[in-house]
Amino acid sequence: MKRYLFFAVMAVLGFLLSWGWTFLPDGGFEKPAWGTEVVRWRSIDAVALPTLSHPSWGMGSVEEIEIAQNARSNHQAAINRGRQLYDAGDFQAAVEAWQAIADAESGIGRSIALSNLSLCWQKLGRWEEAAAAVEESALLLRSLDAGENSERSRVLAQTLEIQGELEYETGRFDVALDRWQEAMVLYEAMGDLSAGLRSQLDSIRALQALGLYRRAERVLTEVAAMLPDFPDSELKARGYQHLSYVLRLLGKFGELPDGLAGNCRQVSTDLTDLPDSAIEAGLWSLRVSRHLPDAETLHQAQFGLANIARAIYQTQKDLDDATLAETAAETALACYQQAATSTVEATQLRANLNLLSLSIDLAERGRERSDVRVSKAVRDRLFTQIDRTSSLVREIDALPPGRTTIYARLDLAQSLMKVDRLPESEALLVAAANQSQTLGDPRVQSYSLGYLGQLYERRQEWDKAQQHTET
């Protein structure tokens, strides 16, 4: 019965999405700031290359068998080397390794190698090469006889997931949505609930990027009703993170539990099976993540809770509820600091960028209120964060070109603009504008040029300001 309900929900998602393009977004629009997204980390094992099969086993001479064994051993060694190079971050060498495997393979084996090659190109920000590799992989798979070949269907679904990620990262959210929907249908046909849920959550990412938050909420609410029946996993935690993200954007924050600022690892409050607030969904993600061996899932749950607490701070600050605003700010800072202990560099960077921007906001608030106590406390924290600016720039420069890097530059540039570090802010914005032009994403380019225009207005360089705001 649960399996039927799960796939029924996926069918509902497909129906909603198929009608989504004829209506204006019903949930408003928020700039998809890089520091708030739910991120999915993909490994090279997203598509696993099978071992070679040898139909002549047991039929040839001893010498023939030894040759076949050596070929099999060399083949597996090449695969292991490709994975190791990818995991070590040596993506250029990984490209060469997976290209060699692709050249030596045919059929499904070649397709899998090409899909993994695309992942490597994506890490290098080489979007054209990444697209060419994964498109060839998909075309090759579609040309094969489907028949009863479940392996072909599974590899095609995984390849479509990689294609969707590529389209998403280059700003083609509608195309990404199509790819992830197709993958979802394939997983449905195979009866793979976990993989189907993964593709469904990716589809909801695309909905969020398109600003269709209320539709994403409707589908996520249905999915959340089934999440308690799934075993604790990264996928389950991610489902709650997505629900929390959408509820936050819709203003359904919920109440901060006592003690979260002091311990952003422990859930000390009772939770309902169907979360109806961002906080409760975020706490579910935290609870699930605590039992997983990979600490990165926990750090992402902490990061999500920090973003909710920050949203509560912003709301209560505007309502002039000083006590609740201060509690929310302390909670956000504590959870960002916990998230910043991640061993994943991108998560560290996201958390530190948000720590900097929140510290600046708190310092401005302290000055406005002439609150000496608050002002001194946040000033010390702000100086610490600003001292790390050069390090943050280096970390951003180390990221591959793409939307992720552009939004990181924009976030840091905005913070530096607020503390009158205009030359550094300008350099970041110019780099972001150039990258967005190369990427071919007009929306990201519009943000970059708009912020540049604001900077030139601050410096009273009116001609430059007009040039960038009218572009």
Protein backbone atom coordinates (compact mmCIF):
# COMPACT_ATOMS: atom_id res chain seq x y z
CA MET A 1 0.00 0.00 0.00
CA LYS A 2 2.81 2.42 0.93
CA ARG A 3 4.55 1.70 -2.38
CA TYR A 4 1.34 2.52 -4.23
CA LEU A 5 0.98 5.77 -2.28
CA PHE A 6 4.58 6.72 -2.99
CA PHE A 7 4.26 6.32 -6.73
CA ALA A 8 0.84 8.00 -6.64
CA VAL A 9 2.53 11.03 -5.11
CA MET A 10 5.13 10.98 -7.88
CA ALA A 11 2.33 10.90 -10.43
CA VAL A 12 0.74 13.92 -8.72
CA LEU A 13 4.08 15.70 -8.95
CA GLY A 14 4.28 14.97 -12.65
CA PHE A 15 0.76 16.33 -13.14
CA LEU A 16 1.46 19.52 -11.21
CA LEU A 17 4.69 20.11 -13.06
CA SER A 18 3.19 19.43 -16.46
CA TRP A 19 0.73 22.28 -15.84
CA GLY A 20 3.20 24.51 -14.09
CA TRP A 21 4.44 26.40 -17.12
CA THR A 22 1.16 28.06 -18.10
CA PHE A 23 0.71 29.93 -14.82
CA LEU A 24 2.66 32.58 -12.99
CA PRO A 25 4.60 31.33 -9.94
CA ASP A 26 2.18 31.24 -7.04
CA GLY A 27 4.67 31.49 -4.23
CA GLY A 28 6.49 34.69 -5.09
CA PHE A 29 10.14 34.85 -6.00
CA GLU A 30 13.27 34.96 -3.92
CA LYS A 31 16.76 35.30 -5.35
CA PRO A 32 18.17 31.79 -4.99
CA ALA A 33 21.02 32.88 -2.73
CA TRP A 34 23.73 30.27 -2.71
CA GLY A 35 23.98 30.36 1.06
CA THR A 36 20.46 29.00 1.55
CA GLU A 37 20.14 26.15 -0.94
CA VAL A 38 19.75 22.51 0.00
CA VAL A 39 22.77 20.97 -1.66
CA ARG A 40 23.16 17.45 -2.92
CA TRP A 41 26.71 16.13 -3.04
CA ARG A 42 27.31 13.70 -5.90
CA SER A 43 30.12 11.20 -5.93
CA ILE A 44 31.72 9.43 -8.86
CA ASP A 45 29.75 6.34 -7.83
CA ALA A 46 26.55 8.04 -8.99
CA VAL A 47 26.96 5.68 -11.95
CA ALA A 48 28.99 2.60 -11.10
CA LEU A 49 30.87 0.92 -13.93
CA PRO A 50 30.26 -2.84 -14.07
CA THR A 51 33.09 -5.31 -14.41
CA LEU A 52 33.85 -6.83 -17.81
CA SER A 53 32.12 -10.05 -18.67
CA HIS A 54 33.94 -12.80 -20.56
CA PRO A 55 31.64 -15.29 -22.29
CA SER A 56 34.58 -17.60 -23.08
CA TRP A 57 35.34 -18.32 -19.43
CA GLY A 58 35.84 -22.06 -18.90
CA MET A 59 36.11 -22.72 -22.64
CA GLY A 60 39.58 -21.51 -23.61
CA SER A 61 43.15 -22.59 -22.90
CA VAL A 62 45.02 -21.77 -19.69
CA GLU A 63 46.84 -18.98 -21.57
CA GLU A 64 43.52 -17.50 -22.80
CA ILE A 65 42.08 -17.58 -19.30
CA GLU A 66 45.17 -15.84 -17.90
CA ILE A 67 44.86 -13.13 -20.57
CA ALA A 68 41.18 -12.67 -19.70
CA GLN A 69 42.01 -12.52 -15.99
CA ASN A 70 44.70 -9.90 -16.62
CA ALA A 71 42.29 -7.85 -18.74
CA ARG A 72 39.68 -8.02 -16.00
CA SER A 73 42.24 -7.01 -13.36
CA ASN A 74 43.54 -4.10 -15.44
CA HIS A 75 39.99 -2.98 -16.14
CA GLN A 76 39.07 -2.92 -12.45
CA ALA A 77 42.31 -1.14 -11.61
CA ALA A 78 41.45 1.59 -14.14
CA ILE A 79 38.00 2.03 -12.59
CA ASN A 80 39.47 2.22 -9.09
CA ARG A 81 42.02 4.77 -10.25
CA GLY A 82 39.30 6.93 -11.83
CA ARG A 83 37.31 6.91 -8.59
CA GLN A 84 40.36 7.60 -6.43
CA LEU A 85 41.43 10.55 -8.57
CA TYR A 86 37.92 12.00 -8.39
CA ASP A 87 37.69 11.54 -4.62
CA ALA A 88 41.12 13.16 -4.22
CA GLY A 89 39.98 16.21 -6.18
CA ASP A 90 42.40 15.63 -9.07
CA PHE A 91 39.65 16.11 -11.62
CA GLN A 92 41.89 16.69 -14.65
CA ALA A 93 43.62 13.35 -14.10
CA ALA A 94 40.22 11.77 -13.43
CA VAL A 95 39.02 13.10 -16.81
CA GLU A 96 41.90 11.33 -18.54
CA ALA A 97 41.24 8.11 -16.62
CA TRP A 98 37.51 7.99 -17.41
CA GLN A 99 38.09 9.00 -21.03
CA ALA A 100 40.47 6.06 -21.39
CA ILE A 101 37.88 3.72 -19.89
CA ALA A 102 35.21 5.09 -22.24
CA ASP A 103 37.50 4.57 -25.25
CA ALA A 104 38.08 0.95 -24.23
CA GLU A 105 34.40 0.18 -23.64
CA SER A 106 31.28 -0.20 -25.74
CA GLY A 107 27.56 -0.33 -25.06
CA ILE A 108 26.48 0.20 -21.46
CA GLY A 109 30.07 0.19 -20.21
CA ARG A 110 30.99 3.10 -22.46
CA SER A 111 27.84 4.97 -21.46
CA ILE A 112 28.63 4.63 -17.76
CA ALA A 113 32.20 5.81 -18.27
CA LEU A 114 30.95 8.84 -20.24
CA SER A 115 28.49 9.74 -17.47
CA ASN A 116 31.26 9.62 -14.89
CA LEU A 117 33.44 11.63 -17.27
CA SER A 118 30.71 14.28 -17.32
CA LEU A 119 30.83 14.48 -13.51
CA CYS A 120 34.57 15.16 -13.72
CA TRP A 121 34.11 17.88 -16.35
CA GLN A 122 31.41 19.46 -14.18
CA LYS A 123 33.84 19.65 -11.27
CA LEU A 124 36.23 21.55 -13.54
CA GLY A 125 33.49 23.93 -14.67
CA ARG A 126 33.90 22.73 -18.26
CA TRP A 127 30.21 22.76 -19.04
CA GLU A 128 30.39 22.17 -22.81
CA GLU A 129 32.58 19.09 -22.37
CA ALA A 130 30.37 17.86 -19.52
CA ALA A 131 27.26 18.29 -21.66
CA ALA A 132 28.83 16.52 -24.64
CA ALA A 133 29.85 13.51 -22.54
CA VAL A 134 26.52 13.00 -20.79
CA GLU A 135 24.51 13.65 -23.97
CA GLU A 136 26.52 10.99 -25.81
CA SER A 137 25.93 8.63 -22.89
CA ALA A 138 22.16 9.22 -22.97
CA LEU A 139 21.97 8.84 -26.75
CA LEU A 140 23.92 5.60 -26.60
CA LEU A 141 21.64 4.19 -23.92
CA ARG A 142 18.50 5.19 -25.82
CA SER A 143 19.84 3.43 -28.90
CA LEU A 144 20.15 0.13 -27.02
CA ASP A 145 17.27 -2.31 -27.01
CA ALA A 146 15.45 -1.79 -23.72
CA GLY A 147 13.77 -5.19 -23.67
CA GLU A 148 13.92 -6.62 -20.17
CA ASN A 149 17.31 -5.04 -19.53
CA SER A 150 16.94 -3.46 -16.10
CA GLU A 151 20.61 -2.48 -16.10
CA ARG A 152 20.08 -0.28 -19.15
CA SER A 153 17.07 1.41 -17.50
CA ARG A 154 18.95 2.01 -14.26
CA VAL A 155 22.01 3.45 -15.99
CA LEU A 156 19.78 5.68 -18.13
CA ALA A 157 17.99 6.94 -15.01
CA GLN A 158 21.33 7.69 -13.32
CA THR A 159 22.59 9.41 -16.45
CA LEU A 160 19.45 11.55 -16.58
CA GLU A 161 20.12 12.56 -12.97
CA ILE A 162 23.60 13.72 -13.95
CA GLN A 163 22.16 15.55 -16.95
CA GLY A 164 19.64 17.25 -14.69
CA GLU A 165 22.38 18.38 -12.32
CA LEU A 166 24.31 19.87 -15.24
CA GLU A 167 21.26 21.75 -16.52
CA TYR A 168 20.46 22.97 -13.00
CA GLU A 169 23.98 24.26 -12.39
CA THR A 170 23.94 26.16 -15.69
CA GLY A 171 20.59 27.78 -14.90
CA ARG A 172 18.32 25.76 -17.22
CA PHE A 173 15.92 24.76 -14.46
CA ASP A 174 13.05 23.77 -16.74
CA VAL A 175 15.28 21.33 -18.65
CA ALA A 176 16.68 19.99 -15.37
CA LEU A 177 13.12 19.37 -14.26
CA ASP A 178 12.37 17.37 -17.42
CA ARG A 179 15.46 15.19 -16.91
CA TRP A 180 14.71 14.48 -13.26
CA GLN A 181 11.07 13.71 -14.03
CA GLU A 182 12.12 11.20 -16.67
CA ALA A 183 14.51 9.57 -14.22
CA MET A 184 11.69 9.40 -11.67
CA VAL A 185 9.45 7.57 -14.15
CA LEU A 186 12.20 5.02 -14.85
CA TYR A 187 12.76 4.38 -11.15
CA GLU A 188 8.99 4.02 -10.70
CA ALA A 189 8.93 1.33 -13.38
CA MET A 190 11.77 -0.49 -11.60
CA GLY A 191 10.06 -0.23 -8.22
CA ASP A 192 13.06 1.53 -6.67
CA LEU A 193 11.49 3.71 -3.97
CA SER A 194 14.70 5.29 -2.65
CA ALA A 195 16.00 6.28 -6.08
CA GLY A 196 12.54 7.54 -7.02
CA LEU A 197 12.47 9.72 -3.91
CA ARG A 198 15.93 11.07 -4.77
CA SER A 199 14.80 12.13 -8.24
CA GLN A 200 11.60 13.56 -6.81
CA LEU A 201 13.57 15.73 -4.37
CA ASP A 202 15.78 16.89 -7.23
CA SER A 203 12.65 17.84 -9.17
CA ILE A 204 11.50 19.88 -6.20
CA ARG A 205 14.85 21.68 -6.22
CA ALA A 206 14.05 22.78 -9.76
CA LEU A 207 10.58 23.90 -8.67
CA GLN A 208 12.16 25.99 -5.93
CA ALA A 209 14.60 27.56 -8.39
CA LEU A 210 11.65 28.45 -10.62
CA GLY A 211 9.87 30.10 -7.68
CA LEU A 212 7.01 27.59 -7.55
CA TYR A 213 7.16 27.26 -3.78
CA ARG A 214 3.53 26.50 -3.02
CA ARG A 215 3.46 23.65 -5.52
CA ALA A 216 6.70 22.34 -4.08
CA GLU A 217 5.13 22.54 -0.61
CA ARG A 218 2.07 20.54 -1.65
CA VAL A 219 4.17 17.70 -3.03
CA LEU A 220 6.69 17.82 -0.20
CA THR A 221 3.91 17.58 2.38
CA GLU A 222 2.74 14.36 0.73
CA VAL A 223 6.29 13.02 0.68
CA ALA A 224 6.87 14.03 4.32
CA ALA A 225 3.91 11.88 5.37
CA MET A 226 5.83 8.83 4.16
CA LEU A 227 9.32 9.78 5.36
CA PRO A 228 8.86 8.30 8.87
CA ASP A 229 8.46 4.88 7.24
CA PHE A 230 11.84 5.17 5.49
CA PRO A 231 14.96 4.03 7.37
CA ASP A 232 17.24 6.81 8.57
CA SER A 233 19.46 7.82 5.67
CA GLU A 234 21.00 10.83 3.94
CA LEU A 235 18.03 10.77 1.57
CA LYS A 236 15.48 10.93 4.41
CA ALA A 237 17.35 13.79 6.08
CA ARG A 238 17.49 15.60 2.76
CA GLY A 239 13.73 15.22 2.33
CA TYR A 240 13.12 17.00 5.62
CA GLN A 241 15.67 19.67 4.65
CA HIS A 242 13.76 20.39 1.45
CA LEU A 243 10.47 20.64 3.32
CA SER A 244 12.07 22.96 5.88
CA TYR A 245 13.51 25.14 3.11
CA VAL A 246 10.17 25.59 1.35
CA LEU A 247 8.26 26.23 4.59
CA ARG A 248 10.80 28.90 5.50
CA LEU A 249 10.39 30.65 2.17
CA LEU A 250 6.63 30.63 2.73
CA GLY A 251 7.09 32.29 6.14
CA LYS A 252 6.00 29.22 8.15
CA PHE A 253 8.91 29.43 10.57
CA GLY A 254 7.53 27.85 13.75
CA GLU A 255 8.94 28.42 17.23
CA LEU A 256 12.58 28.06 18.19
CA PRO A 257 13.00 25.35 20.84
CA ASP A 258 14.75 26.22 24.07
CA GLY A 259 18.46 25.48 24.18
CA LEU A 260 19.09 25.14 20.44
CA ALA A 261 21.67 27.94 20.53
CA GLY A 262 23.61 26.06 23.19
CA ASN A 263 23.48 22.69 21.44
CA CYS A 264 22.78 22.59 17.72
CA ARG A 265 23.19 18.81 17.70
CA GLN A 266 20.51 17.61 20.08
CA VAL A 267 16.73 17.52 19.57
CA SER A 268 15.17 17.89 23.01
CA THR A 269 11.59 18.53 21.93
CA ASP A 270 8.81 16.20 20.79
CA LEU A 271 8.19 16.20 17.04
CA THR A 272 5.01 15.37 15.15
CA ASP A 273 5.15 12.88 12.29
CA LEU A 274 4.03 15.52 9.78
CA PRO A 275 5.99 18.76 10.27
CA ASP A 276 4.03 21.93 9.50
CA SER A 277 6.78 24.46 10.22
CA ALA A 278 10.30 25.05 8.97
CA ILE A 279 11.76 24.58 12.45
CA GLU A 280 10.06 21.23 13.01
CA ALA A 281 11.09 19.89 9.59
CA GLY A 282 14.63 21.13 10.24
CA LEU A 283 14.70 19.41 13.64
CA TRP A 284 13.55 16.18 11.98
CA SER A 285 16.49 16.47 9.58
CA LEU A 286 18.80 17.07 12.55
CA ARG A 287 17.42 14.06 14.43
CA VAL A 288 17.86 11.75 11.44
CA SER A 289 21.34 13.12 10.64
CA ARG A 290 22.66 12.47 14.14
CA HIS A 291 22.39 8.71 13.56
CA LEU A 292 24.24 8.68 10.24
CA PRO A 293 27.94 7.88 9.83
CA ASP A 294 28.55 10.80 7.45
CA ALA A 295 28.81 13.99 9.53
CA GLU A 296 28.22 16.17 6.44
CA THR A 297 24.48 15.46 6.53
CA LEU A 298 24.41 16.75 10.12
CA HIS A 299 26.30 19.90 9.14
CA GLN A 300 23.81 20.61 6.37
CA ALA A 301 20.93 20.14 8.83
CA GLN A 302 22.63 22.63 11.18
CA PHE A 303 23.10 25.04 8.31
CA GLY A 304 19.39 24.81 7.46
CA LEU A 305 18.37 25.48 11.06
CA ALA A 306 20.70 28.49 11.14
CA ASN A 307 18.95 29.92 8.09
CA ILE A 308 15.54 29.51 9.75
CA ALA A 309 16.74 31.18 12.95
CA ARG A 310 18.16 34.00 10.86
CA ALA A 311 14.82 34.46 9.08
CA ILE A 312 13.10 34.66 12.48
CA TYR A 313 15.69 37.24 13.59
CA GLN A 314 15.03 39.37 10.51
CA THR A 315 11.27 39.25 11.09
CA GLN A 316 11.40 40.01 14.80
CA LYS A 317 13.99 42.73 14.29
CA ASP A 318 11.57 44.52 11.97
CA LEU A 319 8.79 44.04 14.55
CA ASP A 320 11.15 45.38 17.21
CA ASP A 321 10.86 42.31 19.44
CA ALA A 322 14.37 42.65 20.86
CA THR A 323 14.32 39.55 23.07
CA LEU A 324 13.18 37.09 20.40
CA ALA A 325 15.39 38.73 17.77
CA GLU A 326 18.45 38.33 19.99
CA THR A 327 17.62 34.70 20.79
CA ALA A 328 17.14 33.91 17.11
CA ALA A 329 20.41 35.64 16.17
CA GLU A 330 22.33 33.70 18.83
CA THR A 331 20.81 30.46 17.56
CA ALA A 332 21.72 31.28 13.96
CA LEU A 333 25.30 32.14 14.88
CA ALA A 334 25.72 28.97 16.94
CA CYS A 335 24.34 26.71 14.21
CA TYR A 336 26.41 28.42 11.49
CA GLN A 337 29.51 27.89 13.62
CA GLN A 338 28.66 24.20 13.98
CA ALA A 339 28.10 23.89 10.23
CA ALA A 340 31.43 25.61 9.59
CA THR A 341 33.23 22.68 11.27
CA SER A 342 32.34 20.52 8.25
CA THR A 343 35.23 18.87 6.46
CA VAL A 344 33.54 19.70 3.13
CA GLU A 345 35.06 22.97 1.95
CA ALA A 346 31.92 24.23 0.23
CA THR A 347 29.87 23.81 3.42
CA GLN A 348 32.54 25.61 5.44
CA LEU A 349 32.48 28.45 2.94
CA ARG A 350 28.68 28.75 2.91
CA ALA A 351 28.54 28.85 6.71
CA ASN A 352 31.37 31.37 7.01
CA LEU A 353 29.84 33.67 4.40
CA ASN A 354 26.57 33.66 6.32
CA LEU A 355 28.40 34.23 9.61
CA LEU A 356 30.02 37.30 8.08
CA SER A 357 26.81 38.77 6.68
CA LEU A 358 24.87 38.13 9.90
CA SER A 359 27.67 39.64 12.01
CA ILE A 360 27.55 42.77 9.84
CA ASP A 361 23.78 42.97 10.23
CA LEU A 362 24.04 42.64 14.02
CA ALA A 363 26.72 45.34 14.17
CA GLU A 364 24.52 47.72 12.19
CA ARG A 365 21.59 46.96 14.49
CA GLY A 366 23.73 47.62 17.56
CA ARG A 367 24.77 51.01 16.21
CA GLU A 368 21.19 51.95 15.32
CA ARG A 369 19.98 51.05 18.82
CA SER A 370 23.02 52.62 20.53
CA ASP A 371 23.27 49.35 22.44
CA VAL A 372 26.84 49.39 23.77
CA ARG A 373 26.67 45.82 25.09
CA VAL A 374 25.41 44.32 21.86
CA SER A 375 27.61 46.55 19.75
CA LYS A 376 30.83 45.52 21.51
CA ALA A 377 29.98 41.82 21.45
CA VAL A 378 29.18 41.74 17.76
CA ARG A 379 32.03 44.10 16.87
CA ASP A 380 34.59 41.61 18.18
CA ARG A 381 32.93 38.83 16.19
CA LEU A 382 32.75 41.01 13.10
CA PHE A 383 36.46 41.85 13.23
CA THR A 384 37.22 38.14 13.42
CA GLN A 385 35.06 37.45 10.38
CA ILE A 386 36.46 40.36 8.35
CA ASP A 387 40.00 39.18 9.08
CA ARG A 388 39.07 35.99 7.20
CA THR A 389 37.96 37.83 4.06
CA SER A 390 41.12 37.08 2.08
CA SER A 391 40.80 33.42 2.99
CA LEU A 392 37.17 33.40 1.84
CA VAL A 393 38.16 34.92 -1.51
CA ARG A 394 40.78 32.18 -1.99
CA GLU A 395 38.21 29.51 -1.14
CA ILE A 396 35.80 30.94 -3.69
CA ASP A 397 38.53 31.12 -6.33
CA ALA A 398 39.20 27.41 -5.75
CA LEU A 399 35.61 26.50 -6.68
CA PRO A 400 34.89 25.46 -10.29
CA PRO A 401 33.16 28.11 -12.42
CA GLY A 402 29.38 27.94 -12.20
CA ARG A 403 26.30 29.25 -10.41
CA THR A 404 27.67 28.05 -7.08
CA THR A 405 30.79 30.16 -7.43
CA ILE A 406 28.94 33.18 -8.79
CA TYR A 407 26.48 33.28 -5.88
CA ALA A 408 29.35 32.89 -3.41
CA ARG A 409 31.04 35.92 -4.98
CA LEU A 410 27.80 37.91 -4.84
CA ASP A 411 27.24 37.05 -1.18
CA LEU A 412 30.74 38.12 -0.17
CA ALA A 413 30.62 41.23 -2.37
CA GLN A 414 27.39 42.37 -0.70
CA SER A 415 28.93 41.93 2.75
CA LEU A 416 32.08 43.84 1.80
CA MET A 417 30.01 46.63 0.30
CA LYS A 418 28.28 47.11 3.66
CA VAL A 419 31.61 47.64 5.44
CA ASP A 420 32.91 49.98 2.72
CA ARG A 421 35.43 47.52 1.28
CA LEU A 422 34.41 48.71 -2.18
CA PRO A 423 37.51 47.80 -4.25
CA GLU A 424 37.35 44.18 -3.08
CA SER A 425 33.61 44.11 -3.62
CA GLU A 426 34.03 45.47 -7.14
CA ALA A 427 36.60 42.80 -8.02
CA LEU A 428 34.22 40.06 -6.85
CA LEU A 429 31.27 41.53 -8.76
CA VAL A 430 33.25 41.97 -11.99
CA ALA A 431 34.40 38.34 -11.75
CA ALA A 432 30.82 37.22 -11.09
CA ALA A 433 29.51 39.21 -14.07
CA ASN A 434 32.17 37.75 -16.37
CA GLN A 435 31.50 34.20 -15.18
CA SER A 436 27.74 34.58 -15.56
CA GLN A 437 28.23 35.80 -19.13
CA THR A 438 30.38 32.77 -19.90
CA LEU A 439 27.82 30.52 -18.26
CA GLY A 440 25.03 32.01 -20.37
CA ASP A 441 22.65 32.42 -17.44
CA PRO A 442 20.87 35.78 -17.92
CA ARG A 443 19.28 35.76 -14.46
CA VAL A 444 22.59 35.38 -12.64
CA GLN A 445 24.17 37.96 -14.95
CA SER A 446 21.34 40.37 -14.10
CA TYR A 447 22.06 40.01 -10.38
CA SER A 448 25.78 40.58 -10.91
CA LEU A 449 25.30 43.70 -13.03
CA GLY A 450 22.63 45.05 -10.69
CA TYR A 451 24.95 44.85 -7.69
CA LEU A 452 27.73 46.45 -9.72
CA GLY A 453 25.36 49.29 -10.50
CA GLN A 454 24.64 49.73 -6.79
CA LEU A 455 28.35 49.83 -6.02
CA TYR A 456 29.01 52.52 -8.65
CA GLU A 457 26.11 54.54 -7.26
CA ARG A 458 27.76 54.36 -3.83
CA ARG A 459 30.92 55.76 -5.39
CA GLN A 460 28.90 58.34 -7.34
CA GLU A 461 30.21 57.02 -10.65
CA TRP A 462 26.92 57.74 -12.33
CA ASP A 463 27.86 56.80 -15.91
CA LYS A 464 29.05 53.35 -14.83
CA ALA A 465 26.04 52.92 -12.57
CA GLN A 466 23.64 53.73 -15.41
CA GLN A 467 25.52 51.45 -17.80
CA HIS A 468 25.19 48.44 -15.49
CA THR A 469 21.65 49.02 -14.25
CA GLU A 470 20.34 49.43 -17.81
CA THR A 471 22.18 46.44 -19.26
